Amino acid sequence: MTKLFLSIAALLFASWFVANSPDDPVAAEIGSVKWNRDYQSAKKIAAESETPLMLLFQEVPG
């Protein structure tokens, strides 16, 4: 019975892991703002368009 339980638990864990692993390392953004994740590129675009540059430091748990 324990072997069956462990097998089912391992299968569920593996399926959860596969289902929650993103194909694209950059998650889709929600909203109309297009965020740039490359500092040098964003700095250049902000200088060219004469707009302020906003930096967001986000802690990703895990």
PDB file of N, CA and C in Angstrom:
ATOM      1  N   MET A   1       0.825  -1.187   0.000  1.00  0.00           N
ATOM      2  CA  MET A   1       0.000   0.000   0.000  1.00  0.00           C
ATOM      3  C   MET A   1       0.873   1.256   0.000  1.00  0.00           C
ATOM      4  N   THR A   2       1.963   1.209   0.749  1.00  0.00           N
ATOM      5  CA  THR A   2       2.860   2.355   0.812  1.00  0.00           C
ATOM      6  C   THR A   2       3.516   2.611  -0.542  1.00  0.00           C
ATOM      7  N   LYS A   3       3.894   1.527  -1.238  1.00  0.00           N
ATOM      8  CA  LYS A   3       4.493   1.674  -2.568  1.00  0.00           C
ATOM      9  C   LYS A   3       3.517   2.339  -3.532  1.00  0.00           C
ATOM     10  N   LEU A   4       2.258   1.929  -3.469  1.00  0.00           N
ATOM     11  CA  LEU A   4       1.236   2.503  -4.340  1.00  0.00           C
ATOM     12  C   LEU A   4       1.052   3.990  -4.028  1.00  0.00           C
ATOM     13  N   PHE A   5       0.986   4.325  -2.766  1.00  0.00           N
ATOM     14  CA  PHE A   5       0.832   5.725  -2.361  1.00  0.00           C
ATOM     15  C   PHE A   5       2.017   6.555  -2.827  1.00  0.00           C
ATOM     16  N   LEU A   6       3.219   6.066  -2.636  1.00  0.00           N
ATOM     17  CA  LEU A   6       4.410   6.803  -3.062  1.00  0.00           C
ATOM     18  C   LEU A   6       4.462   6.946  -4.582  1.00  0.00           C
ATOM     19  N   SER A   7       4.048   5.928  -5.301  1.00  0.00           N
ATOM     20  CA  SER A   7       4.026   6.004  -6.760  1.00  0.00           C
ATOM     21  C   SER A   7       3.031   7.050  -7.238  1.00  0.00           C
ATOM     22  N   ILE A   8       1.856   7.065  -6.641  1.00  0.00           N
ATOM     23  CA  ILE A   8       0.843   8.057  -7.015  1.00  0.00           C
ATOM     24  C   ILE A   8       1.320   9.463  -6.652  1.00  0.00           C
ATOM     25  N   ALA A   9       1.906   9.623  -5.479  1.00  0.00           N
ATOM     26  CA  ALA A   9       2.410  10.927  -5.061  1.00  0.00           C
ATOM     27  C   ALA A   9       3.506  11.416  -6.002  1.00  0.00           C
ATOM     28  N   ALA A  10       4.414  10.527  -6.407  1.00  0.00           N
ATOM     29  CA  ALA A  10       5.476  10.901  -7.338  1.00  0.00           C
ATOM     30  C   ALA A  10       4.910  11.292  -8.690  1.00  0.00           C
ATOM     31  N   LEU A  11       3.906  10.572  -9.153  1.00  0.00           N
ATOM     32  CA  LEU A  11       3.268  10.890 -10.434  1.00  0.00           C
ATOM     33  C   LEU A  11       2.572  12.246 -10.374  1.00  0.00           C
ATOM     34  N   LEU A  12       1.852  12.518  -9.294  1.00  0.00           N
ATOM     35  CA  LEU A  12       1.180  13.806  -9.139  1.00  0.00           C
ATOM     36  C   LEU A  12       2.189  14.949  -9.065  1.00  0.00           C
ATOM     37  N   PHE A  13       3.263  14.741  -8.331  1.00  0.00           N
ATOM     38  CA  PHE A  13       4.296  15.773  -8.228  1.00  0.00           C
ATOM     39  C   PHE A  13       4.928  16.038  -9.583  1.00  0.00           C
ATOM     40  N   ALA A  14       5.241  15.002 -10.329  1.00  0.00           N
ATOM     41  CA  ALA A  14       5.859  15.169 -11.646  1.00  0.00           C
ATOM     42  C   ALA A  14       4.911  15.888 -12.597  1.00  0.00           C
ATOM     43  N   SER A  15       3.628  15.540 -12.569  1.00  0.00           N
ATOM     44  CA  SER A  15       2.681  16.204 -13.462  1.00  0.00           C
ATOM     45  C   SER A  15       2.486  17.660 -13.063  1.00  0.00           C
ATOM     46  N   TRP A  16       2.489  17.961 -11.768  1.00  0.00           N
ATOM     47  CA  TRP A  16       2.389  19.349 -11.315  1.00  0.00           C
ATOM     48  C   TRP A  16       3.607  20.133 -11.781  1.00  0.00           C
ATOM     49  N   PHE A  17       4.783  19.553 -11.662  1.00  0.00           N
ATOM     50  CA  PHE A  17       6.015  20.232 -12.045  1.00  0.00           C
ATOM     51  C   PHE A  17       6.024  20.532 -13.537  1.00  0.00           C
ATOM     52  N   VAL A  18       5.618  19.594 -14.358  1.00  0.00           N
ATOM     53  CA  VAL A  18       5.593  19.797 -15.805  1.00  0.00           C
ATOM     54  C   VAL A  18       4.546  20.844 -16.172  1.00  0.00           C
ATOM     55  N   ALA A  19       3.393  20.804 -15.530  1.00  0.00           N
ATOM     56  CA  ALA A  19       2.325  21.752 -15.840  1.00  0.00           C
ATOM     57  C   ALA A  19       2.684  23.170 -15.426  1.00  0.00           C
ATOM     58  N   ASN A  20       3.502  23.328 -14.401  1.00  0.00           N
ATOM     59  CA  ASN A  20       3.839  24.657 -13.897  1.00  0.00           C
ATOM     60  C   ASN A  20       5.194  25.170 -14.362  1.00  0.00           C
ATOM     61  N   SER A  21       5.859  24.464 -15.224  1.00  0.00           N
ATOM     62  CA  SER A  21       7.131  24.965 -15.734  1.00  0.00           C
ATOM     63  C   SER A  21       6.867  25.729 -17.030  1.00  0.00           C
ATOM     64  N   PRO A  22       7.253  27.011 -17.062  1.00  0.00           N
ATOM     65  CA  PRO A  22       6.957  27.821 -18.242  1.00  0.00           C
ATOM     66  C   PRO A  22       7.816  27.420 -19.442  1.00  0.00           C
ATOM     67  N   ASP A  23       7.210  27.461 -20.624  1.00  0.00           N
ATOM     68  CA  ASP A  23       7.968  27.213 -21.850  1.00  0.00           C
ATOM     69  C   ASP A  23       8.843  28.425 -22.154  1.00  0.00           C
ATOM     70  N   ASP A  24       8.320  29.615 -21.847  1.00  0.00           N
ATOM     71  CA  ASP A  24       9.026  30.859 -22.079  1.00  0.00           C
ATOM     72  C   ASP A  24       9.539  31.358 -20.730  1.00  0.00           C
ATOM     73  N   PRO A  25      10.843  31.635 -20.596  1.00  0.00           N
ATOM     74  CA  PRO A  25      11.363  32.066 -19.302  1.00  0.00           C
ATOM     75  C   PRO A  25      10.790  33.402 -18.842  1.00  0.00           C
ATOM     76  N   VAL A  26      10.259  34.203 -19.761  1.00  0.00           N
ATOM     77  CA  VAL A  26       9.655  35.479 -19.408  1.00  0.00           C
ATOM     78  C   VAL A  26       8.145  35.313 -19.459  1.00  0.00           C
ATOM     79  N   ALA A  27       7.515  35.475 -18.311  1.00  0.00           N
ATOM     80  CA  ALA A  27       6.065  35.308 -18.242  1.00  0.00           C
ATOM     81  C   ALA A  27       5.361  36.421 -19.006  1.00  0.00           C
ATOM     82  N   ALA A  28       4.185  36.127 -19.488  1.00  0.00           N
ATOM     83  CA  ALA A  28       3.397  37.121 -20.210  1.00  0.00           C
ATOM     84  C   ALA A  28       3.003  38.249 -19.263  1.00  0.00           C
ATOM     85  N   GLU A  29       3.108  39.468 -19.738  1.00  0.00           N
ATOM     86  CA  GLU A  29       2.754  40.633 -18.934  1.00  0.00           C
ATOM     87  C   GLU A  29       1.255  40.884 -19.040  1.00  0.00           C
ATOM     88  N   ILE A  30       0.682  41.342 -17.950  1.00  0.00           N
ATOM     89  CA  ILE A  30      -0.732  41.679 -17.929  1.00  0.00           C
ATOM     90  C   ILE A  30      -0.844  43.198 -18.034  1.00  0.00           C
ATOM     91  N   GLY A  31      -1.705  43.676 -18.896  1.00  0.00           N
ATOM     92  CA  GLY A  31      -1.907  45.116 -19.041  1.00  0.00           C
ATOM     93  C   GLY A  31      -1.311  45.632 -20.339  1.00  0.00           C
ATOM     94  N   SER A  32      -1.397  46.959 -20.507  1.00  0.00           N
ATOM     95  CA  SER A  32      -0.952  47.552 -21.757  1.00  0.00           C
ATOM     96  C   SER A  32       0.471  48.090 -21.703  1.00  0.00           C
ATOM     97  N   VAL A  33       1.094  48.106 -20.537  1.00  0.00           N
ATOM     98  CA  VAL A  33       2.462  48.600 -20.408  1.00  0.00           C
ATOM     99  C   VAL A  33       3.430  47.521 -20.879  1.00  0.00           C
ATOM    100  N   LYS A  34       4.344  47.890 -21.756  1.00  0.00           N
ATOM    101  CA  LYS A  34       5.360  46.952 -22.242  1.00  0.00           C
ATOM    102  C   LYS A  34       6.633  47.163 -21.426  1.00  0.00           C
ATOM    103  N   TRP A  35       6.909  46.215 -20.533  1.00  0.00           N
ATOM    104  CA  TRP A  35       8.074  46.316 -19.671  1.00  0.00           C
ATOM    105  C   TRP A  35       9.301  45.752 -20.378  1.00  0.00           C
ATOM    106  N   ASN A  36      10.426  46.393 -20.164  1.00  0.00           N
ATOM    107  CA  ASN A  36      11.688  45.947 -20.729  1.00  0.00           C
ATOM    108  C   ASN A  36      12.507  45.336 -19.598  1.00  0.00           C
ATOM    109  N   ARG A  37      13.007  44.149 -19.771  1.00  0.00           N
ATOM    110  CA  ARG A  37      13.752  43.466 -18.708  1.00  0.00           C
ATOM    111  C   ARG A  37      15.268  43.590 -18.860  1.00  0.00           C
ATOM    112  N   ASP A  38      15.715  44.339 -19.853  1.00  0.00           N
ATOM    113  CA  ASP A  38      17.143  44.553 -20.077  1.00  0.00           C
ATOM    114  C   ASP A  38      17.475  46.004 -19.734  1.00  0.00           C
ATOM    115  N   TYR A  39      18.277  46.214 -18.688  1.00  0.00           N
ATOM    116  CA  TYR A  39      18.559  47.559 -18.192  1.00  0.00           C
ATOM    117  C   TYR A  39      19.210  48.447 -19.246  1.00  0.00           C
ATOM    118  N   GLN A  40      20.229  47.944 -19.917  1.00  0.00           N
ATOM    119  CA  GLN A  40      20.942  48.767 -20.905  1.00  0.00           C
ATOM    120  C   GLN A  40      20.019  49.196 -22.041  1.00  0.00           C
ATOM    121  N   SER A  41      19.197  48.281 -22.510  1.00  0.00           N
ATOM    122  CA  SER A  41      18.255  48.586 -23.582  1.00  0.00           C
ATOM    123  C   SER A  41      17.221  49.608 -23.115  1.00  0.00           C
ATOM    124  N   ALA A  42      16.688  49.432 -21.919  1.00  0.00           N
ATOM    125  CA  ALA A  42      15.690  50.354 -21.378  1.00  0.00           C
ATOM    126  C   ALA A  42      16.287  51.740 -21.171  1.00  0.00           C
ATOM    127  N   LYS A  43      17.519  51.788 -20.718  1.00  0.00           N
ATOM    128  CA  LYS A  43      18.203  53.065 -20.508  1.00  0.00           C
ATOM    129  C   LYS A  43      18.355  53.817 -21.837  1.00  0.00           C
ATOM    130  N   LYS A  44      18.713  53.100 -22.877  1.00  0.00           N
ATOM    131  CA  LYS A  44      18.879  53.697 -24.197  1.00  0.00           C
ATOM    132  C   LYS A  44      17.546  54.215 -24.731  1.00  0.00           C
ATOM    133  N   ILE A  45      16.484  53.414 -24.608  1.00  0.00           N
ATOM    134  CA  ILE A  45      15.158  53.811 -25.083  1.00  0.00           C
ATOM    135  C   ILE A  45      14.664  55.037 -24.318  1.00  0.00           C
ATOM    136  N   ALA A  46      14.870  55.073 -23.011  1.00  0.00           N
ATOM    137  CA  ALA A  46      14.436  56.213 -22.201  1.00  0.00           C
ATOM    138  C   ALA A  46      15.187  57.479 -22.595  1.00  0.00           C
ATOM    139  N   ALA A  47      16.476  57.358 -22.864  1.00  0.00           N
ATOM    140  CA  ALA A  47      17.263  58.527 -23.274  1.00  0.00           C
ATOM    141  C   ALA A  47      16.805  59.035 -24.638  1.00  0.00           C
ATOM    142  N   GLU A  48      16.555  58.129 -25.570  1.00  0.00           N
ATOM    143  CA  GLU A  48      16.127  58.522 -26.915  1.00  0.00           C
ATOM    144  C   GLU A  48      14.751  59.178 -26.914  1.00  0.00           C
ATOM    145  N   SER A  49      13.848  58.675 -26.082  1.00  0.00           N
ATOM    146  CA  SER A  49      12.481  59.212 -26.051  1.00  0.00           C
ATOM    147  C   SER A  49      12.318  60.309 -25.002  1.00  0.00           C
ATOM    148  N   GLU A  50      13.399  60.618 -24.290  1.00  0.00           N
ATOM    149  CA  GLU A  50      13.400  61.645 -23.237  1.00  0.00           C
ATOM    150  C   GLU A  50      12.297  61.398 -22.211  1.00  0.00           C
ATOM    151  N   THR A  51      12.192  60.168 -21.773  1.00  0.00           N
ATOM    152  CA  THR A  51      11.222  59.787 -20.746  1.00  0.00           C
ATOM    153  C   THR A  51      11.969  59.239 -19.542  1.00  0.00           C
ATOM    154  N   PRO A  52      11.357  59.315 -18.352  1.00  0.00           N
ATOM    155  CA  PRO A  52      12.024  58.767 -17.163  1.00  0.00           C
ATOM    156  C   PRO A  52      12.131  57.248 -17.220  1.00  0.00           C
ATOM    157  N   LEU A  53      13.076  56.739 -16.496  1.00  0.00           N
ATOM    158  CA  LEU A  53      13.305  55.298 -16.424  1.00  0.00           C
ATOM    159  C   LEU A  53      12.886  54.822 -15.036  1.00  0.00           C
ATOM    160  N   MET A  54      12.009  53.855 -14.993  1.00  0.00           N
ATOM    161  CA  MET A  54      11.556  53.307 -13.720  1.00  0.00           C
ATOM    162  C   MET A  54      12.186  51.942 -13.518  1.00  0.00           C
ATOM    163  N   LEU A  55      12.780  51.749 -12.353  1.00  0.00           N
ATOM    164  CA  LEU A  55      13.375  50.458 -12.013  1.00  0.00           C
ATOM    165  C   LEU A  55      12.509  49.777 -10.967  1.00  0.00           C
ATOM    166  N   LEU A  56      12.256  48.503 -11.174  1.00  0.00           N
ATOM    167  CA  LEU A  56      11.481  47.719 -10.220  1.00  0.00           C
ATOM    168  C   LEU A  56      12.363  46.581  -9.734  1.00  0.00           C
ATOM    169  N   PHE A  57      12.638  46.580  -8.456  1.00  0.00           N
ATOM    170  CA  PHE A  57      13.410  45.505  -7.853  1.00  0.00           C
ATOM    171  C   PHE A  57      12.406  44.573  -7.186  1.00  0.00           C
ATOM    172  N   GLN A  58      12.240  43.391  -7.737  1.00  0.00           N
ATOM    173  CA  GLN A  58      11.232  42.471  -7.259  1.00  0.00           C
ATOM    174  C   GLN A  58      11.899  41.210  -6.740  1.00  0.00           C
ATOM    175  N   GLU A  59      11.493  40.808  -5.551  1.00  0.00           N
ATOM    176  CA  GLU A  59      12.006  39.562  -4.995  1.00  0.00           C
ATOM    177  C   GLU A  59      11.130  38.428  -5.462  1.00  0.00           C
ATOM    178  N   VAL A  60      11.746  37.434  -6.063  1.00  0.00           N
ATOM    179  CA  VAL A  60      11.019  36.258  -6.521  1.00  0.00           C
ATOM    180  C   VAL A  60      11.293  35.140  -5.517  1.00  0.00           C
ATOM    181  N   PRO A  61      10.274  34.715  -4.789  1.00  0.00           N
ATOM    182  CA  PRO A  61      10.506  33.682  -3.782  1.00  0.00           C
ATOM    183  C   PRO A  61      10.907  32.346  -4.416  1.00  0.00           C
ATOM    184  N   GLY A  62      11.735  31.640  -3.712  1.00  0.00           N
ATOM    185  CA  GLY A  62      12.098  30.322  -4.171  1.00  0.00           C
ATOM    186  C   GLY A  62      13.506  30.256  -4.393  1.00  0.00           C
TER     187      GLY A  62
END
